[in-house]
């Protein structure tokens, strides 16, 4: 088992160049990783993203209920009608244009 990043990278390149999965050394069908490893990565990433989304949704709702901007947490004025503060709206508009 390679110990350094340089050795791991060399082994990865060697296996993928001859059509083997770099993770389990199984034969691949045109992809870098085999079907089993790709399924593992998909399920792992799905679990992580679900947890992150739950935390984000909870933070969004908490800030919204406290009359704060959901993005930056800045307190909103009482008569302010938008959900997002003016600074965050300006940033969003600059990104979109």
PDB file of N, CA and C in Angstrom:
ATOM      1  N   UNK A   1       0.844  -1.178   0.000  1.00  0.00           N
ATOM      2  CA  UNK A   1       0.000   0.000   0.000  1.00  0.00           C
ATOM      3  C   UNK A   1       0.890   1.241   0.000  1.00  0.00           C
ATOM      4  N   UNK A   2       0.692   2.149  -0.953  1.00  0.00           N
ATOM      5  CA  UNK A   2       1.527   3.344  -1.027  1.00  0.00           C
ATOM      6  C   UNK A   2       1.283   4.267   0.168  1.00  0.00           C
ATOM      7  N   UNK A   3       2.370   4.886   0.629  1.00  0.00           N
ATOM      8  CA  UNK A   3       2.276   5.732   1.818  1.00  0.00           C
ATOM      9  C   UNK A   3       2.199   7.221   1.504  1.00  0.00           C
ATOM     10  N   UNK A   4       2.815   7.652   0.443  1.00  0.00           N
ATOM     11  CA  UNK A   4       2.830   9.075   0.136  1.00  0.00           C
ATOM     12  C   UNK A   4       1.824   9.398  -0.958  1.00  0.00           C
ATOM     13  N   UNK A   5       1.486  10.675  -1.042  1.00  0.00           N
ATOM     14  CA  UNK A   5       0.542  11.122  -2.065  1.00  0.00           C
ATOM     15  C   UNK A   5       1.104  10.882  -3.458  1.00  0.00           C
ATOM     16  N   UNK A   6       2.388  11.045  -3.608  1.00  0.00           N
ATOM     17  CA  UNK A   6       3.021  10.839  -4.914  1.00  0.00           C
ATOM     18  C   UNK A   6       2.895   9.374  -5.350  1.00  0.00           C
ATOM     19  N   UNK A   7       3.103   8.447  -4.426  1.00  0.00           N
ATOM     20  CA  UNK A   7       2.974   7.018  -4.734  1.00  0.00           C
ATOM     21  C   UNK A   7       1.524   6.657  -5.061  1.00  0.00           C
ATOM     22  N   UNK A   8       0.583   7.218  -4.289  1.00  0.00           N
ATOM     23  CA  UNK A   8      -0.841   6.935  -4.541  1.00  0.00           C
ATOM     24  C   UNK A   8      -1.266   7.455  -5.912  1.00  0.00           C
ATOM     25  N   UNK A   9      -0.775   8.642  -6.259  1.00  0.00           N
ATOM     26  CA  UNK A   9      -1.108   9.220  -7.556  1.00  0.00           C
ATOM     27  C   UNK A   9      -0.546   8.379  -8.697  1.00  0.00           C
ATOM     28  N   UNK A  10       0.680   7.899  -8.533  1.00  0.00           N
ATOM     29  CA  UNK A  10       1.299   7.056  -9.565  1.00  0.00           C
ATOM     30  C   UNK A  10       0.527   5.749  -9.735  1.00  0.00           C
ATOM     31  N   UNK A  11       0.115   5.144  -8.617  1.00  0.00           N
ATOM     32  CA  UNK A  11      -0.650   3.898  -8.674  1.00  0.00           C
ATOM     33  C   UNK A  11      -2.010   4.129  -9.325  1.00  0.00           C
ATOM     34  N   UNK A  12      -2.654   5.248  -8.994  1.00  0.00           N
ATOM     35  CA  UNK A  12      -3.944   5.613  -9.594  1.00  0.00           C
ATOM     36  C   UNK A  12      -3.808   5.728 -11.108  1.00  0.00           C
ATOM     37  N   UNK A  13      -2.805   6.459 -11.561  1.00  0.00           N
ATOM     38  CA  UNK A  13      -2.606   6.644 -12.999  1.00  0.00           C
ATOM     39  C   UNK A  13      -2.298   5.324 -13.696  1.00  0.00           C
ATOM     40  N   UNK A  14      -1.489   4.504 -13.062  1.00  0.00           N
ATOM     41  CA  UNK A  14      -1.123   3.206 -13.650  1.00  0.00           C
ATOM     42  C   UNK A  14      -2.359   2.322 -13.815  1.00  0.00           C
ATOM     43  N   UNK A  15      -3.153   2.197 -12.756  1.00  0.00           N
ATOM     44  CA  UNK A  15      -4.345   1.337 -12.821  1.00  0.00           C
ATOM     45  C   UNK A  15      -5.361   1.869 -13.827  1.00  0.00           C
ATOM     46  N   UNK A  16      -5.617   3.178 -13.801  1.00  0.00           N
ATOM     47  CA  UNK A  16      -6.636   3.718 -14.702  1.00  0.00           C
ATOM     48  C   UNK A  16      -6.185   3.664 -16.161  1.00  0.00           C
ATOM     49  N   UNK A  17      -4.887   3.730 -16.424  1.00  0.00           N
ATOM     50  CA  UNK A  17      -4.405   3.673 -17.810  1.00  0.00           C
ATOM     51  C   UNK A  17      -4.570   2.281 -18.419  1.00  0.00           C
ATOM     52  N   UNK A  18      -4.564   1.237 -17.601  1.00  0.00           N
ATOM     53  CA  UNK A  18      -4.720  -0.123 -18.137  1.00  0.00           C
ATOM     54  C   UNK A  18      -6.149  -0.648 -17.990  1.00  0.00           C
ATOM     55  N   UNK A  19      -7.083   0.242 -17.579  1.00  0.00           N
ATOM     56  CA  UNK A  19      -8.489  -0.135 -17.533  1.00  0.00           C
ATOM     57  C   UNK A  19      -8.929  -0.813 -16.252  1.00  0.00           C
ATOM     58  N   UNK A  20      -8.195  -0.590 -15.158  1.00  0.00           N
ATOM     59  CA  UNK A  20      -8.592  -1.152 -13.872  1.00  0.00           C
ATOM     60  C   UNK A  20      -9.104  -0.044 -12.957  1.00  0.00           C
ATOM     61  N   UNK A  21     -10.012  -0.401 -12.084  1.00  0.00           N
ATOM     62  CA  UNK A  21     -10.547   0.542 -11.104  1.00  0.00           C
ATOM     63  C   UNK A  21      -9.438   0.893 -10.111  1.00  0.00           C
ATOM     64  N   UNK A  22      -9.142   2.164  -9.898  1.00  0.00           N
ATOM     65  CA  UNK A  22      -8.074   2.544  -8.972  1.00  0.00           C
ATOM     66  C   UNK A  22      -8.375   2.182  -7.519  1.00  0.00           C
ATOM     67  N   UNK A  23      -9.636   1.983  -7.195  1.00  0.00           N
ATOM     68  CA  UNK A  23     -10.023   1.700  -5.808  1.00  0.00           C
ATOM     69  C   UNK A  23      -9.956   0.213  -5.491  1.00  0.00           C
ATOM     70  N   UNK A  24     -10.499  -0.637  -6.381  1.00  0.00           N
ATOM     71  CA  UNK A  24     -10.603  -2.069  -6.060  1.00  0.00           C
ATOM     72  C   UNK A  24      -9.910  -2.974  -7.087  1.00  0.00           C
ATOM     73  N   UNK A  25      -9.345  -2.417  -8.118  1.00  0.00           N
ATOM     74  CA  UNK A  25      -8.622  -3.144  -9.183  1.00  0.00           C
ATOM     75  C   UNK A  25      -9.506  -4.046 -10.038  1.00  0.00           C
ATOM     76  N   UNK A  26     -10.806  -3.816 -10.050  1.00  0.00           N
ATOM     77  CA  UNK A  26     -11.706  -4.570 -10.928  1.00  0.00           C
ATOM     78  C   UNK A  26     -11.636  -3.980 -12.334  1.00  0.00           C
ATOM     79  N   UNK A  27     -11.999  -4.763 -13.330  1.00  0.00           N
ATOM     80  CA  UNK A  27     -12.005  -4.305 -14.717  1.00  0.00           C
ATOM     81  C   UNK A  27     -13.136  -3.290 -14.884  1.00  0.00           C
ATOM     82  N   UNK A  28     -12.856  -2.191 -15.602  1.00  0.00           N
ATOM     83  CA  UNK A  28     -13.879  -1.153 -15.816  1.00  0.00           C
ATOM     84  C   UNK A  28     -14.376  -1.199 -17.247  1.00  0.00           C
ATOM     85  N   UNK A  29     -15.502  -0.552 -17.485  1.00  0.00           N
ATOM     86  CA  UNK A  29     -16.116  -0.553 -18.804  1.00  0.00           C
ATOM     87  C   UNK A  29     -16.189   0.873 -19.363  1.00  0.00           C
ATOM     88  N   UNK A  30     -15.041   1.486 -19.567  1.00  0.00           N
ATOM     89  CA  UNK A  30     -15.000   2.814 -20.159  1.00  0.00           C
ATOM     90  C   UNK A  30     -14.990   3.951 -19.148  1.00  0.00           C
ATOM     91  N   UNK A  31     -15.236   3.644 -17.895  1.00  0.00           N
ATOM     92  CA  UNK A  31     -15.195   4.641 -16.841  1.00  0.00           C
ATOM     93  C   UNK A  31     -13.897   4.464 -16.051  1.00  0.00           C
ATOM     94  N   UNK A  32     -13.578   5.432 -15.228  1.00  0.00           N
ATOM     95  CA  UNK A  32     -12.378   5.295 -14.400  1.00  0.00           C
ATOM     96  C   UNK A  32     -12.626   4.280 -13.290  1.00  0.00           C
ATOM     97  N   UNK A  33     -13.782   4.388 -12.627  1.00  0.00           N
ATOM     98  CA  UNK A  33     -14.112   3.469 -11.536  1.00  0.00           C
ATOM     99  C   UNK A  33     -15.098   2.412 -12.027  1.00  0.00           C
ATOM    100  N   UNK A  34     -15.107   1.249 -11.379  1.00  0.00           N
ATOM    101  CA  UNK A  34     -16.037   0.174 -11.738  1.00  0.00           C
ATOM    102  C   UNK A  34     -17.445   0.535 -11.255  1.00  0.00           C
ATOM    103  N   UNK A  35     -18.414  -0.244 -11.660  1.00  0.00           N
ATOM    104  CA  UNK A  35     -19.816   0.037 -11.319  1.00  0.00           C
ATOM    105  C   UNK A  35     -20.048  -0.010  -9.812  1.00  0.00           C
ATOM    106  N   UNK A  36     -19.445  -0.972  -9.134  1.00  0.00           N
ATOM    107  CA  UNK A  36     -19.628  -1.082  -7.680  1.00  0.00           C
ATOM    108  C   UNK A  36     -19.073   0.136  -6.950  1.00  0.00           C
ATOM    109  N   UNK A  37     -17.896   0.580  -7.334  1.00  0.00           N
ATOM    110  CA  UNK A  37     -17.293   1.751  -6.680  1.00  0.00           C
ATOM    111  C   UNK A  37     -18.078   3.020  -6.997  1.00  0.00           C
ATOM    112  N   UNK A  38     -18.570   3.141  -8.233  1.00  0.00           N
ATOM    113  CA  UNK A  38     -19.390   4.310  -8.578  1.00  0.00           C
ATOM    114  C   UNK A  38     -20.674   4.324  -7.766  1.00  0.00           C
ATOM    115  N   UNK A  39     -21.287   3.156  -7.561  1.00  0.00           N
ATOM    116  CA  UNK A  39     -22.498   3.077  -6.741  1.00  0.00           C
ATOM    117  C   UNK A  39     -22.191   3.460  -5.292  1.00  0.00           C
ATOM    118  N   UNK A  40     -21.046   3.025  -4.796  1.00  0.00           N
ATOM    119  CA  UNK A  40     -20.632   3.382  -3.442  1.00  0.00           C
ATOM    120  C   UNK A  40     -20.476   4.894  -3.308  1.00  0.00           C
ATOM    121  N   UNK A  41     -19.791   5.533  -4.259  1.00  0.00           N
ATOM    122  CA  UNK A  41     -19.582   6.978  -4.207  1.00  0.00           C
ATOM    123  C   UNK A  41     -20.908   7.729  -4.306  1.00  0.00           C
ATOM    124  N   UNK A  42     -21.826   7.238  -5.168  1.00  0.00           N
ATOM    125  CA  UNK A  42     -23.123   7.902  -5.306  1.00  0.00           C
ATOM    126  C   UNK A  42     -23.890   7.858  -3.993  1.00  0.00           C
ATOM    127  N   UNK A  43     -23.936   6.702  -3.339  1.00  0.00           N
ATOM    128  CA  UNK A  43     -24.688   6.588  -2.097  1.00  0.00           C
ATOM    129  C   UNK A  43     -24.024   7.390  -0.989  1.00  0.00           C
ATOM    130  N   UNK A  44     -22.698   7.393  -0.946  1.00  0.00           N
ATOM    131  CA  UNK A  44     -21.981   8.151   0.074  1.00  0.00           C
ATOM    132  C   UNK A  44     -22.239   9.645  -0.093  1.00  0.00           C
ATOM    133  N   UNK A  45     -22.133  10.131  -1.321  1.00  0.00           N
ATOM    134  CA  UNK A  45     -22.361  11.551  -1.575  1.00  0.00           C
ATOM    135  C   UNK A  45     -23.799  11.944  -1.296  1.00  0.00           C
ATOM    136  N   UNK A  46     -24.741  11.034  -1.566  1.00  0.00           N
ATOM    137  CA  UNK A  46     -26.150  11.330  -1.320  1.00  0.00           C
ATOM    138  C   UNK A  46     -26.395  11.488   0.180  1.00  0.00           C
ATOM    139  N   UNK A  47     -25.807  10.618   0.989  1.00  0.00           N
ATOM    140  CA  UNK A  47     -25.976  10.711   2.437  1.00  0.00           C
ATOM    141  C   UNK A  47     -25.407  12.024   2.969  1.00  0.00           C
ATOM    142  N   UNK A  48     -24.237  12.384   2.513  1.00  0.00           N
ATOM    143  CA  UNK A  48     -23.589  13.616   2.969  1.00  0.00           C
ATOM    144  C   UNK A  48     -24.420  14.824   2.567  1.00  0.00           C
ATOM    145  N   UNK A  49     -24.873  14.866   1.313  1.00  0.00           N
ATOM    146  CA  UNK A  49     -25.619  16.031   0.849  1.00  0.00           C
ATOM    147  C   UNK A  49     -26.972  16.143   1.552  1.00  0.00           C
ATOM    148  N   UNK A  50     -27.595  15.016   1.899  1.00  0.00           N
ATOM    149  CA  UNK A  50     -28.858  15.071   2.641  1.00  0.00           C
ATOM    150  C   UNK A  50     -28.653  15.689   4.021  1.00  0.00           C
ATOM    151  N   UNK A  51     -27.566  15.320   4.688  1.00  0.00           N
ATOM    152  CA  UNK A  51     -27.281  15.884   6.012  1.00  0.00           C
ATOM    153  C   UNK A  51     -27.014  17.381   5.918  1.00  0.00           C
ATOM    154  N   UNK A  52     -26.233  17.772   4.923  1.00  0.00           N
ATOM    155  CA  UNK A  52     -25.914  19.190   4.748  1.00  0.00           C
ATOM    156  C   UNK A  52     -27.176  19.981   4.436  1.00  0.00           C
ATOM    157  N   UNK A  53     -28.048  19.449   3.591  1.00  0.00           N
ATOM    158  CA  UNK A  53     -29.284  20.137   3.237  1.00  0.00           C
ATOM    159  C   UNK A  53     -30.197  20.298   4.439  1.00  0.00           C
ATOM    160  N   UNK A  54     -30.260  19.301   5.317  1.00  0.00           N
ATOM    161  CA  UNK A  54     -31.087  19.419   6.520  1.00  0.00           C
ATOM    162  C   UNK A  54     -30.602  20.562   7.401  1.00  0.00           C
ATOM    163  N   UNK A  55     -29.293  20.657   7.576  1.00  0.00           N
ATOM    164  CA  UNK A  55     -28.721  21.727   8.396  1.00  0.00           C
ATOM    165  C   UNK A  55     -28.994  23.090   7.763  1.00  0.00           C
ATOM    166  N   UNK A  56     -28.823  23.185   6.453  1.00  0.00           N
ATOM    167  CA  UNK A  56     -29.075  24.451   5.746  1.00  0.00           C
ATOM    168  C   UNK A  56     -30.529  24.872   5.860  1.00  0.00           C
ATOM    169  N   UNK A  57     -31.460  23.926   5.703  1.00  0.00           N
ATOM    170  CA  UNK A  57     -32.881  24.247   5.793  1.00  0.00           C
ATOM    171  C   UNK A  57     -33.245  24.720   7.192  1.00  0.00           C
ATOM    172  N   UNK A  58     -32.696  24.065   8.210  1.00  0.00           N
ATOM    173  CA  UNK A  58     -32.984  24.457   9.587  1.00  0.00           C
ATOM    174  C   UNK A  58     -32.465  25.868   9.868  1.00  0.00           C
ATOM    175  N   UNK A  59     -31.263  26.156   9.399  1.00  0.00           N
ATOM    176  CA  UNK A  59     -30.680  27.495   9.594  1.00  0.00           C
ATOM    177  C   UNK A  59     -31.501  28.546   8.858  1.00  0.00           C
ATOM    178  N   UNK A  60     -31.926  28.229   7.626  1.00  0.00           N
ATOM    179  CA  UNK A  60     -32.746  29.146   6.831  1.00  0.00           C
ATOM    180  C   UNK A  60     -34.042  29.469   7.556  1.00  0.00           C
ATOM    181  N   UNK A  61     -34.740  28.430   8.027  1.00  0.00           N
ATOM    182  CA  UNK A  61     -36.023  28.659   8.696  1.00  0.00           C
ATOM    183  C   UNK A  61     -35.856  29.417  10.008  1.00  0.00           C
ATOM    184  N   UNK A  62     -34.811  29.113  10.751  1.00  0.00           N
ATOM    185  CA  UNK A  62     -34.565  29.812  12.009  1.00  0.00           C
ATOM    186  C   UNK A  62     -34.316  31.302  11.755  1.00  0.00           C
ATOM    187  N   UNK A  63     -33.492  31.603  10.784  1.00  0.00           N
ATOM    188  CA  UNK A  63     -33.209  33.005  10.473  1.00  0.00           C
ATOM    189  C   UNK A  63     -34.448  33.715   9.943  1.00  0.00           C
ATOM    190  N   UNK A  64     -35.207  33.032   9.108  1.00  0.00           N
ATOM    191  CA  UNK A  64     -36.408  33.639   8.539  1.00  0.00           C
ATOM    192  C   UNK A  64     -37.426  33.946   9.637  1.00  0.00           C
ATOM    193  N   UNK A  65     -37.600  33.038  10.575  1.00  0.00           N
ATOM    194  CA  UNK A  65     -38.539  33.255  11.680  1.00  0.00           C
ATOM    195  C   UNK A  65     -38.088  34.355  12.630  1.00  0.00           C
ATOM    196  N   UNK A  66     -36.789  34.596  12.726  1.00  0.00           N
ATOM    197  CA  UNK A  66     -36.248  35.641  13.588  1.00  0.00           C
ATOM    198  C   UNK A  66     -36.092  36.974  12.859  1.00  0.00           C
ATOM    199  N   UNK A  67     -36.665  37.099  11.669  1.00  0.00           N
ATOM    200  CA  UNK A  67     -36.561  38.299  10.830  1.00  0.00           C
ATOM    201  C   UNK A  67     -35.118  38.667  10.557  1.00  0.00           C
ATOM    202  N   UNK A  68     -34.340  37.645  10.165  1.00  0.00           N
ATOM    203  CA  UNK A  68     -32.962  37.846   9.759  1.00  0.00           C
ATOM    204  C   UNK A  68     -32.838  37.448   8.294  1.00  0.00           C
ATOM    205  N   UNK A  69     -31.827  37.993   7.645  1.00  0.00           N
ATOM    206  CA  UNK A  69     -31.540  37.578   6.276  1.00  0.00           C
ATOM    207  C   UNK A  69     -31.083  36.121   6.316  1.00  0.00           C
ATOM    208  N   UNK A  70     -31.714  35.229   5.547  1.00  0.00           N
ATOM    209  CA  UNK A  70     -31.334  33.814   5.575  1.00  0.00           C
ATOM    210  C   UNK A  70     -29.912  33.557   5.083  1.00  0.00           C
ATOM    211  N   UNK A  71     -29.341  34.458   4.313  1.00  0.00           N
ATOM    212  CA  UNK A  71     -28.003  34.233   3.764  1.00  0.00           C
ATOM    213  C   UNK A  71     -26.902  34.688   4.700  1.00  0.00           C
ATOM    214  N   UNK A  72     -27.023  35.924   5.227  1.00  0.00           N
ATOM    215  CA  UNK A  72     -25.924  36.464   6.023  1.00  0.00           C
ATOM    216  C   UNK A  72     -26.266  36.588   7.509  1.00  0.00           C
ATOM    217  N   UNK A  73     -27.555  36.514   7.872  1.00  0.00           N
ATOM    218  CA  UNK A  73     -27.952  36.576   9.273  1.00  0.00           C
ATOM    219  C   UNK A  73     -28.174  37.988   9.798  1.00  0.00           C
ATOM    220  N   UNK A  74     -28.085  38.976   8.925  1.00  0.00           N
ATOM    221  CA  UNK A  74     -28.280  40.358   9.332  1.00  0.00           C
ATOM    222  C   UNK A  74     -29.737  40.583   9.740  1.00  0.00           C
ATOM    223  N   UNK A  75     -29.963  41.319  10.823  1.00  0.00           N
ATOM    224  CA  UNK A  75     -31.318  41.611  11.292  1.00  0.00           C
ATOM    225  C   UNK A  75     -32.010  42.536  10.296  1.00  0.00           C
ATOM    226  N   UNK A  76     -33.269  42.221   9.934  1.00  0.00           N
ATOM    227  CA  UNK A  76     -34.032  43.023   8.977  1.00  0.00           C
ATOM    228  C   UNK A  76     -34.921  44.016   9.719  1.00  0.00           C
ATOM    229  N   UNK A  77     -35.145  45.176   9.088  1.00  0.00           N
ATOM    230  CA  UNK A  77     -36.022  46.190   9.694  1.00  0.00           C
ATOM    231  C   UNK A  77     -37.454  45.688   9.712  1.00  0.00           C
ATOM    232  N   UNK A  78     -38.277  46.287  10.566  1.00  0.00           N
ATOM    233  CA  UNK A  78     -39.660  45.825  10.708  1.00  0.00           C
ATOM    234  C   UNK A  78     -40.482  46.030   9.449  1.00  0.00           C
ATOM    235  N   UNK A  79     -40.285  47.140   8.754  1.00  0.00           N
ATOM    236  CA  UNK A  79     -41.101  47.425   7.570  1.00  0.00           C
ATOM    237  C   UNK A  79     -40.461  46.932   6.274  1.00  0.00           C
ATOM    238  N   UNK A  80     -39.357  46.227   6.384  1.00  0.00           N
ATOM    239  CA  UNK A  80     -38.680  45.680   5.206  1.00  0.00           C
ATOM    240  C   UNK A  80     -39.494  44.494   4.710  1.00  0.00           C
ATOM    241  N   UNK A  81     -39.853  44.495   3.425  1.00  0.00           N
ATOM    242  CA  UNK A  81     -40.777  43.476   2.909  1.00  0.00           C
ATOM    243  C   UNK A  81     -40.098  42.261   2.290  1.00  0.00           C
ATOM    244  N   UNK A  82     -38.852  42.409   1.830  1.00  0.00           N
ATOM    245  CA  UNK A  82     -38.153  41.273   1.223  1.00  0.00           C
ATOM    246  C   UNK A  82     -37.648  40.317   2.296  1.00  0.00           C
ATOM    247  N   UNK A  83     -37.413  39.096   1.915  1.00  0.00           N
ATOM    248  CA  UNK A  83     -36.870  38.102   2.844  1.00  0.00           C
ATOM    249  C   UNK A  83     -35.355  38.269   2.950  1.00  0.00           C
ATOM    250  N   UNK A  84     -34.695  38.604   1.834  1.00  0.00           N
ATOM    251  CA  UNK A  84     -33.241  38.733   1.787  1.00  0.00           C
ATOM    252  C   UNK A  84     -32.875  40.205   1.942  1.00  0.00           C
ATOM    253  N   UNK A  85     -31.804  40.495   2.669  1.00  0.00           N
ATOM    254  CA  UNK A  85     -31.395  41.885   2.904  1.00  0.00           C
ATOM    255  C   UNK A  85     -30.931  42.543   1.600  1.00  0.00           C
ATOM    256  N   UNK A  86     -30.835  43.872   1.622  1.00  0.00           N
ATOM    257  CA  UNK A  86     -30.481  44.639   0.425  1.00  0.00           C
ATOM    258  C   UNK A  86     -29.075  44.288  -0.064  1.00  0.00           C
ATOM    259  N   UNK A  87     -28.137  44.084   0.853  1.00  0.00           N
ATOM    260  CA  UNK A  87     -26.765  43.753   0.452  1.00  0.00           C
ATOM    261  C   UNK A  87     -26.712  42.421  -0.291  1.00  0.00           C
ATOM    262  N   UNK A  88     -27.397  41.412   0.247  1.00  0.00           N
ATOM    263  CA  UNK A  88     -27.399  40.088  -0.403  1.00  0.00           C
ATOM    264  C   UNK A  88     -28.143  40.132  -1.738  1.00  0.00           C
ATOM    265  N   UNK A  89     -29.218  40.926  -1.819  1.00  0.00           N
ATOM    266  CA  UNK A  89     -29.930  41.070  -3.087  1.00  0.00           C
ATOM    267  C   UNK A  89     -29.025  41.717  -4.134  1.00  0.00           C
ATOM    268  N   UNK A  90     -28.275  42.737  -3.713  1.00  0.00           N
ATOM    269  CA  UNK A  90     -27.362  43.407  -4.634  1.00  0.00           C
ATOM    270  C   UNK A  90     -26.297  42.433  -5.145  1.00  0.00           C
ATOM    271  N   UNK A  91     -25.761  41.600  -4.247  1.00  0.00           N
ATOM    272  CA  UNK A  91     -24.780  40.590  -4.659  1.00  0.00           C
ATOM    273  C   UNK A  91     -25.394  39.625  -5.660  1.00  0.00           C
ATOM    274  N   UNK A  92     -26.616  39.181  -5.369  1.00  0.00           N
ATOM    275  CA  UNK A  92     -27.287  38.230  -6.269  1.00  0.00           C
ATOM    276  C   UNK A  92     -27.507  38.849  -7.639  1.00  0.00           C
ATOM    277  N   UNK A  93     -27.935  40.085  -7.666  1.00  0.00           N
ATOM    278  CA  UNK A  93     -28.157  40.753  -8.962  1.00  0.00           C
ATOM    279  C   UNK A  93     -26.854  40.919  -9.735  1.00  0.00           C
ATOM    280  N   UNK A  94     -25.749  41.202  -9.014  1.00  0.00           N
ATOM    281  CA  UNK A  94     -24.467  41.355  -9.710  1.00  0.00           C
ATOM    282  C   UNK A  94     -23.971  40.012 -10.261  1.00  0.00           C
ATOM    283  N   UNK A  95     -24.256  38.903  -9.567  1.00  0.00           N
ATOM    284  CA  UNK A  95     -23.871  37.595 -10.072  1.00  0.00           C
ATOM    285  C   UNK A  95     -24.655  37.236 -11.329  1.00  0.00           C
ATOM    286  N   UNK A  96     -25.940  37.593 -11.338  1.00  0.00           N
ATOM    287  CA  UNK A  96     -26.817  37.201 -12.436  1.00  0.00           C
ATOM    288  C   UNK A  96     -26.638  38.064 -13.676  1.00  0.00           C
ATOM    289  N   UNK A  97     -26.029  39.225 -13.534  1.00  0.00           N
ATOM    290  CA  UNK A  97     -25.905  40.100 -14.707  1.00  0.00           C
ATOM    291  C   UNK A  97     -24.566  39.983 -15.369  1.00  0.00           C
TER     292      UNK A  97
END
